[in-house]
Every structure is written in structure tokens, then in C-alpha cells.
Amino acid sequence: MFEGTEGTKSAAGGASEAERLIVEAINAADRIEAHCLFNLAAARGARDALRLRQELAAEMTPAEIALAQRRARDLIRYSA
């Protein structure tokens, strides 16, 4: 489903938090979880996450997208 997601290594040599979130999103149980995780990765600066989220959103209903966005906002709010 997601092409061009090879990712890059951070300067420290390990995968960044945003890259980890992208991998989790690609392996997510459902589209809502994947969209939520792509939102979190995008918020951490992952440009690939923006594209992947957009591709996924094209397959989702407006209600699914709204739920995924609420979940992402809640995760950001409660992890701060």
C-alpha cells in the first residue's frame, strides 16, 4: 500500500521517533490507527508521513479521518 518508504537514518545513526511512527503506521491494524500515526510522525517533521497520510486519506471516509485526527490530538495532548 505504501511505496517509497525506505526512510533515512538520523545523524545519530538510529531511526528517529518520526521514522518509528511511520513504520508503526505502515504496520497498523487499521486505517484509522495508521492515519493517526502518520499525523504524529508529520508533527515530528517527517515529510514522508505527509504524503503517506494523504494517500491513505484518499481511501478513507470523512468520519474515519475525523476520528484519526481526534486520536492524534488526544495523544499529543496527553503526552505533553
N, C-alpha and C. Protein backbone atom coordinates (compact mmCIF):
# COMPACT_ATOMS: atom_id res chain seq x y z
N MET A 1 0.82 -1.19 0.00
CA MET A 1 0.00 0.00 0.00
C MET A 1 0.86 1.25 0.00
N PHE A 2 1.97 1.26 0.70
CA PHE A 2 2.80 2.45 0.81
C PHE A 2 4.13 2.22 0.11
N GLU A 3 4.35 3.00 -0.94
CA GLU A 3 5.60 2.87 -1.69
C GLU A 3 6.52 4.03 -1.35
N GLY A 4 7.81 3.81 -1.53
CA GLY A 4 8.78 4.85 -1.29
C GLY A 4 8.95 5.18 0.18
N THR A 5 8.93 4.16 1.02
CA THR A 5 9.02 4.40 2.46
C THR A 5 10.31 3.83 3.03
N GLU A 6 11.36 3.91 2.24
CA GLU A 6 12.64 3.36 2.69
C GLU A 6 13.13 4.04 3.94
N GLY A 7 12.89 5.36 4.03
CA GLY A 7 13.33 6.11 5.20
C GLY A 7 14.82 6.36 5.18
N THR A 8 15.25 7.23 6.05
CA THR A 8 16.68 7.52 6.19
C THR A 8 17.03 7.41 7.66
N LYS A 9 18.29 7.25 7.91
CA LYS A 9 18.77 7.19 9.29
C LYS A 9 19.06 8.61 9.78
N SER A 10 18.86 8.83 11.04
CA SER A 10 19.17 10.14 11.60
C SER A 10 20.68 10.31 11.70
N ALA A 11 21.10 11.52 12.03
CA ALA A 11 22.53 11.80 12.14
C ALA A 11 23.19 10.93 13.20
N ALA A 12 22.43 10.55 14.21
CA ALA A 12 22.99 9.72 15.27
C ALA A 12 23.11 8.26 14.85
N GLY A 13 22.60 7.91 13.67
CA GLY A 13 22.74 6.56 13.16
C GLY A 13 21.54 5.67 13.42
N GLY A 14 20.61 6.08 14.26
CA GLY A 14 19.42 5.28 14.53
C GLY A 14 18.20 5.92 13.91
N ALA A 15 17.13 5.15 13.89
CA ALA A 15 15.89 5.68 13.34
C ALA A 15 15.33 6.73 14.29
N SER A 16 14.82 7.80 13.74
CA SER A 16 14.22 8.85 14.56
C SER A 16 12.85 8.41 15.06
N GLU A 17 12.33 9.15 16.00
CA GLU A 17 10.97 8.89 16.51
C GLU A 17 9.95 8.97 15.39
N ALA A 18 10.09 9.95 14.51
CA ALA A 18 9.15 10.10 13.40
C ALA A 18 9.21 8.88 12.48
N GLU A 19 10.40 8.40 12.20
CA GLU A 19 10.54 7.22 11.35
C GLU A 19 9.93 5.99 12.01
N ARG A 20 10.09 5.88 13.32
CA ARG A 20 9.49 4.76 14.05
C ARG A 20 7.96 4.81 13.92
N LEU A 21 7.41 6.01 14.01
CA LEU A 21 5.96 6.16 13.88
C LEU A 21 5.48 5.80 12.48
N ILE A 22 6.27 6.13 11.46
CA ILE A 22 5.91 5.76 10.09
C ILE A 22 5.86 4.25 9.96
N VAL A 23 6.86 3.56 10.50
CA VAL A 23 6.87 2.10 10.44
C VAL A 23 5.66 1.53 11.16
N GLU A 24 5.34 2.07 12.33
CA GLU A 24 4.16 1.61 13.06
C GLU A 24 2.89 1.85 12.25
N ALA A 25 2.81 2.98 11.58
CA ALA A 25 1.63 3.29 10.77
C ALA A 25 1.48 2.32 9.61
N ILE A 26 2.59 2.01 8.96
CA ILE A 26 2.54 1.07 7.84
C ILE A 26 2.06 -0.29 8.29
N ASN A 27 2.40 -0.66 9.52
CA ASN A 27 2.02 -1.96 10.06
C ASN A 27 0.77 -1.90 10.94
N ALA A 28 0.06 -0.79 10.92
CA ALA A 28 -1.09 -0.59 11.79
C ALA A 28 -2.21 -1.59 11.48
N ALA A 29 -3.02 -1.82 12.50
CA ALA A 29 -4.12 -2.77 12.40
C ALA A 29 -5.23 -2.27 11.49
N ASP A 30 -5.40 -0.95 11.41
CA ASP A 30 -6.47 -0.41 10.57
C ASP A 30 -6.10 0.98 10.06
N ARG A 31 -6.92 1.50 9.17
CA ARG A 31 -6.63 2.79 8.54
C ARG A 31 -6.68 3.95 9.53
N ILE A 32 -7.56 3.89 10.50
CA ILE A 32 -7.67 4.97 11.48
C ILE A 32 -6.39 5.06 12.31
N GLU A 33 -5.91 3.93 12.78
CA GLU A 33 -4.66 3.92 13.54
C GLU A 33 -3.50 4.40 12.68
N ALA A 34 -3.45 3.95 11.43
CA ALA A 34 -2.37 4.35 10.53
C ALA A 34 -2.39 5.86 10.30
N HIS A 35 -3.55 6.42 10.03
CA HIS A 35 -3.68 7.86 9.80
C HIS A 35 -3.24 8.63 11.03
N CYS A 36 -3.66 8.17 12.20
CA CYS A 36 -3.27 8.80 13.46
C CYS A 36 -1.75 8.82 13.61
N LEU A 37 -1.12 7.70 13.35
CA LEU A 37 0.34 7.61 13.49
C LEU A 37 1.06 8.45 12.45
N PHE A 38 0.52 8.51 11.22
CA PHE A 38 1.11 9.40 10.21
C PHE A 38 1.00 10.85 10.66
N ASN A 39 -0.12 11.22 11.30
CA ASN A 39 -0.26 12.58 11.85
C ASN A 39 0.83 12.87 12.87
N LEU A 40 1.05 11.92 13.77
CA LEU A 40 2.08 12.12 14.80
C LEU A 40 3.47 12.23 14.18
N ALA A 41 3.75 11.40 13.19
CA ALA A 41 5.05 11.46 12.51
C ALA A 41 5.22 12.79 11.78
N ALA A 42 4.15 13.25 11.13
CA ALA A 42 4.21 14.53 10.42
C ALA A 42 4.45 15.67 11.40
N ALA A 43 3.83 15.60 12.56
CA ALA A 43 4.03 16.63 13.58
C ALA A 43 5.46 16.66 14.08
N ARG A 44 6.18 15.56 13.90
CA ARG A 44 7.59 15.48 14.31
C ARG A 44 8.54 15.73 13.14
N GLY A 45 7.98 16.21 12.03
CA GLY A 45 8.81 16.65 10.91
C GLY A 45 9.05 15.64 9.80
N ALA A 46 8.37 14.51 9.80
CA ALA A 46 8.58 13.50 8.75
C ALA A 46 7.79 13.87 7.50
N ARG A 47 8.50 14.31 6.48
CA ARG A 47 7.83 14.70 5.24
C ARG A 47 7.16 13.53 4.55
N ASP A 48 7.77 12.35 4.62
CA ASP A 48 7.14 11.16 4.03
C ASP A 48 5.78 10.89 4.64
N ALA A 49 5.63 11.19 5.92
CA ALA A 49 4.36 10.95 6.62
C ALA A 49 3.24 11.79 6.02
N LEU A 50 3.56 13.00 5.59
CA LEU A 50 2.54 13.85 4.97
C LEU A 50 1.99 13.21 3.70
N ARG A 51 2.89 12.73 2.87
CA ARG A 51 2.48 12.09 1.61
C ARG A 51 1.71 10.81 1.87
N LEU A 52 2.21 10.00 2.78
CA LEU A 52 1.57 8.72 3.07
C LEU A 52 0.19 8.93 3.70
N ARG A 53 0.08 9.91 4.57
CA ARG A 53 -1.22 10.22 5.17
C ARG A 53 -2.21 10.67 4.11
N GLN A 54 -1.74 11.47 3.16
CA GLN A 54 -2.61 11.95 2.09
C GLN A 54 -3.09 10.78 1.21
N GLU A 55 -2.19 9.87 0.88
CA GLU A 55 -2.57 8.69 0.09
C GLU A 55 -3.61 7.86 0.84
N LEU A 56 -3.39 7.67 2.11
CA LEU A 56 -4.31 6.88 2.92
C LEU A 56 -5.66 7.57 3.04
N ALA A 57 -5.65 8.88 3.25
CA ALA A 57 -6.90 9.63 3.40
C ALA A 57 -7.79 9.51 2.17
N ALA A 58 -7.18 9.33 1.01
CA ALA A 58 -7.97 9.18 -0.22
C ALA A 58 -8.82 7.92 -0.20
N GLU A 59 -8.47 6.96 0.67
CA GLU A 59 -9.20 5.70 0.77
C GLU A 59 -10.16 5.68 1.96
N MET A 60 -10.19 6.77 2.73
CA MET A 60 -10.95 6.80 3.98
C MET A 60 -12.19 7.67 3.85
N THR A 61 -13.16 7.41 4.72
CA THR A 61 -14.34 8.26 4.79
C THR A 61 -14.02 9.49 5.63
N PRO A 62 -14.79 10.55 5.47
CA PRO A 62 -14.58 11.73 6.31
C PRO A 62 -14.69 11.40 7.81
N ALA A 63 -15.59 10.51 8.17
CA ALA A 63 -15.74 10.13 9.58
C ALA A 63 -14.49 9.42 10.10
N GLU A 64 -13.88 8.55 9.28
CA GLU A 64 -12.65 7.87 9.69
C GLU A 64 -11.52 8.86 9.89
N ILE A 65 -11.41 9.82 8.98
CA ILE A 65 -10.35 10.82 9.07
C ILE A 65 -10.54 11.66 10.33
N ALA A 66 -11.77 12.06 10.60
CA ALA A 66 -12.04 12.87 11.79
C ALA A 66 -11.68 12.11 13.06
N LEU A 67 -12.01 10.82 13.11
CA LEU A 67 -11.67 10.01 14.29
C LEU A 67 -10.16 9.89 14.45
N ALA A 68 -9.45 9.66 13.35
CA ALA A 68 -7.99 9.55 13.40
C ALA A 68 -7.37 10.86 13.87
N GLN A 69 -7.89 11.99 13.40
CA GLN A 69 -7.36 13.29 13.83
C GLN A 69 -7.62 13.54 15.31
N ARG A 70 -8.81 13.15 15.79
CA ARG A 70 -9.10 13.30 17.22
C ARG A 70 -8.14 12.47 18.06
N ARG A 71 -7.90 11.24 17.61
CA ARG A 71 -6.97 10.36 18.36
C ARG A 71 -5.58 10.96 18.40
N ALA A 72 -5.12 11.48 17.28
CA ALA A 72 -3.78 12.09 17.23
C ALA A 72 -3.71 13.29 18.16
N ARG A 73 -4.72 14.15 18.13
CA ARG A 73 -4.73 15.32 19.02
C ARG A 73 -4.72 14.88 20.48
N ASP A 74 -5.52 13.86 20.80
CA ASP A 74 -5.55 13.37 22.18
C ASP A 74 -4.19 12.83 22.61
N LEU A 75 -3.53 12.09 21.73
CA LEU A 75 -2.22 11.56 22.06
C LEU A 75 -1.20 12.66 22.28
N ILE A 76 -1.26 13.69 21.45
CA ILE A 76 -0.34 14.81 21.61
C ILE A 76 -0.63 15.54 22.91
N ARG A 77 -1.89 15.77 23.19
CA ARG A 77 -2.30 16.50 24.39
C ARG A 77 -1.88 15.75 25.66
N TYR A 78 -2.07 14.44 25.69
CA TYR A 78 -1.81 13.68 26.90
C TYR A 78 -0.35 13.24 27.06
N SER A 79 0.43 13.40 26.00
CA SER A 79 1.84 13.02 26.11
C SER A 79 2.72 14.23 26.41
N ALA A 80 2.13 15.42 26.38
CA ALA A 80 2.91 16.64 26.60
C ALA A 80 3.17 16.89 28.06
